[in-house]
Protein backbone atom coordinates (compact mmCIF):
# COMPACT_ATOMS: atom_id res chain seq x y z
CA MET A 1 141.86 87.31 192.67
CA VAL A 2 140.03 90.04 194.54
CA GLU A 3 136.82 89.06 196.33
CA LYS A 4 135.86 92.26 198.11
CA ILE A 5 136.94 95.82 198.77
CA THR A 6 135.82 97.74 201.84
CA ILE A 7 136.40 101.47 202.29
CA THR A 8 135.69 103.08 205.63
CA ASN A 9 134.80 106.74 205.95
CA LEU A 10 135.32 107.64 202.29
CA PHE A 11 135.07 111.43 201.92
CA ASN A 12 134.81 111.35 205.74
CA LYS A 13 131.17 110.25 205.50
CA ILE A 14 130.60 107.09 203.38
CA ASN A 15 131.28 103.40 204.13
CA ILE A 16 131.47 101.13 201.08
CA GLU A 17 131.59 97.33 200.94
CA MET A 18 131.67 95.92 197.42
CA PRO A 19 132.05 92.26 196.31
CA LEU A 20 134.20 91.88 193.20
CA PHE A 21 135.17 89.38 190.52
CA ASN A 22 132.68 86.68 191.43
CA GLN A 23 131.25 87.24 187.96
CA GLY A 24 132.72 88.32 184.63
CA VAL A 25 131.46 91.90 184.51
CA HIS A 26 130.63 94.45 187.19
CA ILE A 27 128.62 97.60 186.56
CA LEU A 28 128.57 100.27 189.27
CA ILE A 29 125.37 102.30 189.38
CA SER A 30 124.62 105.08 191.85
CA GLU A 31 123.78 108.75 192.12
CA ASN A 32 126.38 111.31 191.13
CA GLY A 33 128.90 112.12 193.83
CA VAL A 34 128.62 108.85 195.74
CA GLY A 35 132.15 107.82 194.75
CA LYS A 36 132.04 105.32 191.86
CA THR A 37 135.09 106.77 190.12
CA THR A 38 136.95 107.19 193.41
CA VAL A 39 136.38 103.53 194.30
CA LEU A 40 137.84 102.50 190.93
CA LYS A 41 140.82 104.81 191.46
CA ILE A 42 141.41 103.31 194.90
CA LEU A 43 141.19 99.75 193.58
CA ASN A 44 143.55 100.61 190.73
CA ALA A 45 146.04 102.27 193.09
CA VAL A 46 146.05 99.36 195.53
CA LEU A 47 146.31 96.55 192.97
CA SER A 48 148.95 98.47 190.98
CA LYS A 49 150.89 99.01 194.22
CA LYS A 50 150.77 102.79 193.70
CA ILE A 51 149.68 103.26 197.26
CA TYR A 52 151.36 106.66 197.50
CA THR A 53 148.60 108.13 195.31
CA LEU A 54 145.97 107.38 197.97
CA ASP A 55 147.05 110.21 200.25
CA THR A 56 145.06 112.66 198.10
CA ILE A 57 141.82 110.79 198.93
CA ALA A 58 139.93 111.26 202.19
CA PHE A 59 139.37 107.88 203.85
CA GLU A 60 140.06 106.12 207.12
CA LYS A 61 140.75 102.54 206.10
CA ILE A 62 140.81 100.35 202.96
CA ILE A 63 140.48 96.56 203.19
CA VAL A 64 140.96 94.27 200.18
CA ASP A 65 140.03 90.59 200.54
CA PHE A 66 141.61 88.04 198.17
CA SER A 67 140.20 84.66 197.18
CA SER A 68 143.20 83.00 198.87
CA GLY A 69 141.86 84.18 202.20
CA GLN A 70 144.57 86.80 202.62
CA GLN A 71 143.66 90.39 203.30
CA VAL A 72 145.41 93.75 203.12
CA THR A 73 144.45 96.72 205.24
CA ILE A 74 145.63 100.24 204.48
CA GLN A 75 145.17 102.87 207.14
CA LYS A 76 145.42 106.50 206.09
CA ASN A 77 148.13 106.89 208.73
CA ASP A 78 150.18 104.23 206.91
CA LEU A 79 150.74 106.70 204.11
CA LEU A 80 152.79 108.87 206.41
CA GLY A 81 155.57 106.38 205.75
CA TYR A 82 155.93 107.89 202.28
CA ARG A 83 157.11 111.22 203.64
CA ILE A 84 160.69 112.29 204.17
CA ASN A 85 162.03 115.05 206.39
CA HIS A 86 162.72 117.89 203.96
CA GLU A 87 165.80 118.88 205.93
CA ASP A 88 167.42 115.63 204.80
CA TYR A 89 167.23 116.59 201.13
CA PRO A 90 170.36 117.75 199.32
CA GLN A 91 169.89 121.07 197.52
CA GLU A 92 169.47 119.37 194.13
CA LEU A 93 166.61 117.24 195.42
CA LYS A 94 164.91 120.28 196.93
CA THR A 95 165.17 122.00 193.54
CA ILE A 96 163.63 118.95 191.85
CA GLN A 97 160.84 118.88 194.41
CA ASP A 98 160.02 122.53 193.67
CA ALA A 99 159.86 121.77 189.94
CA LEU A 100 157.45 118.83 190.23
CA SER A 101 153.94 118.39 191.51
CA VAL A 102 153.59 116.72 194.90
CA ASN A 103 152.30 113.52 193.32
CA ASN A 104 155.07 113.40 190.71
CA PHE A 105 157.73 113.95 193.35
CA LYS A 106 156.39 111.05 195.41
CA LYS A 107 156.18 108.94 192.27
CA LEU A 108 159.80 109.78 191.49
CA LEU A 109 160.95 108.75 194.97
CA ASN A 110 158.86 105.59 194.82
CA SER A 111 160.47 104.68 191.48
CA ALA A 112 163.87 105.19 193.09
CA ARG A 113 162.86 102.78 195.83
CA ILE A 114 161.76 99.92 193.57
CA LEU A 115 163.84 100.30 190.38
CA LYS A 116 167.44 99.53 189.58
CA ALA A 117 169.68 102.42 188.53
CA ASN A 118 169.57 101.62 184.80
CA GLU A 119 165.76 101.27 184.92
CA LEU A 120 165.42 104.51 186.87
CA GLU A 121 167.44 106.39 184.24
CA GLU A 122 164.86 105.50 181.57
CA THR A 123 161.75 106.59 183.46
CA PRO A 124 159.80 109.52 181.96
CA LEU A 125 160.17 111.58 185.14
CA VAL A 126 163.95 111.30 185.20
CA GLN A 127 164.07 112.13 181.49
CA TYR A 128 161.84 115.14 182.14
CA ILE A 129 164.03 116.39 185.02
CA VAL A 130 167.16 116.10 182.87
CA GLU A 131 165.46 118.18 180.17
CA ILE A 132 164.36 120.99 182.47
CA MET A 133 167.56 120.87 184.58
CA PRO A 134 170.39 120.14 182.14
CA LYS A 135 173.00 121.18 184.73
CA ILE A 136 172.24 118.02 186.75
CA PRO A 137 173.86 114.98 185.04
CA LYS A 138 171.54 111.99 184.81
CA VAL A 139 174.02 109.68 186.57
CA TYR A 140 174.32 112.10 189.49
CA LEU A 141 170.55 112.52 189.63
CA VAL A 142 170.00 108.75 189.89
CA GLU A 143 172.68 108.51 192.57
CA ILE A 144 170.93 111.21 194.63
CA LEU A 145 167.54 109.54 194.23
CA GLN A 146 168.80 106.14 195.31
CA LYS A 147 170.65 107.60 198.27
CA PHE A 148 167.71 109.65 199.50
CA ARG A 149 164.96 107.23 198.52
CA MET A 150 161.70 107.02 200.40
CA GLU A 151 161.64 105.32 203.77
CA ILE A 152 158.49 103.22 203.52
CA ASN A 153 157.20 101.69 206.73
CA GLU A 154 157.17 97.92 207.17
CA ASN A 155 153.38 97.73 206.98
CA ILE A 156 153.29 99.12 203.41
CA SER A 157 156.06 96.76 202.32
CA ALA A 158 154.09 93.82 203.70
CA ILE A 159 150.97 95.02 201.89
CA GLU A 160 152.82 95.20 198.56
CA SER A 161 154.14 91.68 199.07
CA ILE A 162 150.64 90.27 199.68
CA ILE A 163 149.23 92.10 196.64
CA THR A 164 151.98 90.75 194.38
CA LYS A 165 151.34 87.22 195.64
CA ASN A 166 147.57 87.37 195.08
CA PHE A 167 147.25 89.71 192.10
CA ASN A 168 150.25 89.46 189.81
CA TYR A 169 148.60 91.06 186.80
CA ASP A 170 148.93 94.27 184.79
CA LEU A 171 145.91 96.51 185.20
CA LEU A 172 144.32 98.50 182.40
CA TYR A 173 142.31 101.38 183.84
CA LEU A 174 140.15 103.18 181.28
CA PRO A 175 138.14 106.03 182.84
CA THR A 176 134.76 106.75 181.29
CA TYR A 177 134.90 109.48 178.65
CA ARG A 178 133.84 112.72 180.24
CA ARG A 179 134.91 116.35 180.31
CA ILE A 180 138.15 116.14 182.26
CA GLU A 181 138.22 119.04 184.71
CA GLU A 182 140.78 117.76 187.24
CA ASP A 183 144.49 118.43 187.08
CA LEU A 184 145.98 115.56 185.09
CA ARG A 185 149.13 115.87 187.17
CA LEU A 186 147.16 114.07 189.90
CA LEU A 187 147.38 111.00 187.68
CA GLY A 188 151.18 111.13 187.84
CA LEU A 189 151.80 112.79 184.47
CA THR A 190 154.69 115.11 183.70
CA ASP A 191 154.43 118.29 181.63
CA ILE A 192 155.86 116.37 178.67
CA ASP A 193 153.12 113.74 179.04
CA LEU A 194 150.50 116.49 179.19
CA LEU A 195 151.75 118.04 175.96
CA LYS A 196 151.38 114.66 174.25
CA LEU A 197 147.97 114.07 175.82
CA ASP A 198 146.65 117.37 174.45
CA GLU A 199 146.33 115.51 171.16
CA VAL A 200 144.00 112.85 172.57
CA ILE A 201 142.48 114.23 175.77
CA CYS A 202 140.66 117.54 175.87
CA SER A 203 139.86 119.48 179.01
CA GLY A 204 136.90 121.77 179.48
CA MET A 205 134.74 122.66 176.48
CA HIS A 206 137.39 124.20 174.22
CA ASP A 207 137.48 121.24 171.81
CA VAL A 208 133.67 121.13 171.65
CA HIS A 209 133.46 124.82 170.74
CA LYS A 210 136.19 124.30 168.17
CA LYS A 211 134.31 121.41 166.55
CA ILE A 212 131.04 123.36 166.56
CA ASP A 213 132.76 126.32 164.88
CA ALA A 214 134.19 123.94 162.26
CA PHE A 215 130.72 122.45 161.61
CA VAL A 216 129.21 125.92 161.26
CA ASP A 217 131.95 126.94 158.83
CA ASP A 218 131.31 123.79 156.76
CA ILE A 219 127.57 124.52 156.69
CA ASN A 220 128.12 128.15 155.70
CA HIS A 221 130.52 127.12 152.98
CA ALA A 222 128.09 124.53 151.64
CA LEU A 223 125.18 127.00 151.68
CA LEU A 224 127.19 129.73 149.99
CA LYS A 225 128.30 127.26 147.36
CA LYS A 226 124.72 126.10 146.92
CA PHE A 227 123.39 129.65 146.65
CA ALA A 228 126.21 130.63 144.33
CA TYR A 229 125.37 127.67 142.11
CA GLY A 230 121.69 128.56 142.28
CA ASP A 231 122.32 132.21 141.38
CA GLN A 232 124.55 131.09 138.54
CA SER A 233 121.87 128.73 137.25
CA LEU A 234 119.25 131.47 137.37
CA LEU A 235 121.56 133.82 135.51
CA PHE A 236 122.19 131.20 132.82
CA ASP A 237 118.44 130.56 132.53
CA PHE A 238 117.81 134.31 132.24
CA ILE A 239 120.47 134.68 129.54
CA ASN A 240 119.13 131.65 127.65
CA GLN A 241 115.60 133.06 127.84
CA LYS A 242 116.84 136.42 126.55
CA LYS A 243 118.65 134.70 123.71
CA ARG A 244 115.53 132.75 122.85
CA PHE A 245 113.37 135.88 122.88
CA LEU A 246 115.94 137.74 120.76
CA SER A 247 115.99 134.84 118.29
CA ILE A 248 112.18 134.86 118.08
CA GLY A 249 112.19 138.64 117.54
CA ILE A 250 114.71 138.33 114.73
CA LEU A 251 112.67 135.59 113.05
CA ILE A 252 109.50 137.73 113.27
CA ARG A 253 111.23 140.70 111.69
CA GLN A 254 112.61 138.51 108.92
CA SER A 255 109.17 137.04 108.17
CA ASN A 256 107.46 140.47 108.22
CA PRO A 257 109.82 142.93 106.48
CA ALA A 258 108.70 146.57 106.58
C-alpha cells in the first residue's frame, strides 16, 4: 500500500508531503487553489500507471513511498520519454495525431505499447479513429500503432514495475461534484465519450438555467390552473346565487299576484 506521497514544486511554488492509508479515510482540507484536486489527480495517474497524463501538470518531482519500503520517483524530465520525433511518423499517424487531442494521442500510443493487437483493436480510441477515418482499415491502423509505438525510457518502465508490485489494484476516482469548466479531453475522453457524457455530466451553468426554467414553467402552470379553477368556482357561485335570487323572486311574485 501507499504510505506517503511527496510533490516538489507543484505549480512551480508549492511543496506537498502527505501521509496516506495509515487510516481508513482521509479528508483533505485547505484553502481553494492550494492543489487538493491536483494531488488526487497525480496520485490517481501514478497508481493507475497513466504517467503520460502528468506532463500537463507543473511540478519538479513526485515521490511515492510504499509500505514495502520501495519508492518511486518521477522527475518531470522523465516524461520526455513519452515523446516521439514527429518526422518518424507515417502520414496516416500524422493524420491521426491532427484529429486527436494531445492527451488522447499519447494515450493511444501508450495503449499500443502495453496492449496486444486484439486488445488494441477494441479500445474506444481505435474504434473512434476508425469511425472518423473509414479509409484506414482497423488492422492496418493497429499495425502502424504497434510499429511506431512510444519509446518509453527505462526509468518509467522501472517505475511501472514497482507500482504493479506494490499496488496491484483497480482505482476508482470519483471527483467531487462541481461545475466542470475544464476540457474533458484532458481526462483522456474521445468525442464519442463526450457525447455520451453529456447525458450525465453538465458543463457550465446551462443545465442549471434549464432546470430553473422548467421549475418556473411548472409554477406558472400550477398558478394558472389554480387561478382558472378559482375563477371557475367564483363564476359557478355567482350563477348559483343568481339562480337562487331568481327563484326567490319567482316565489314572491307567485305569493303576491297583482
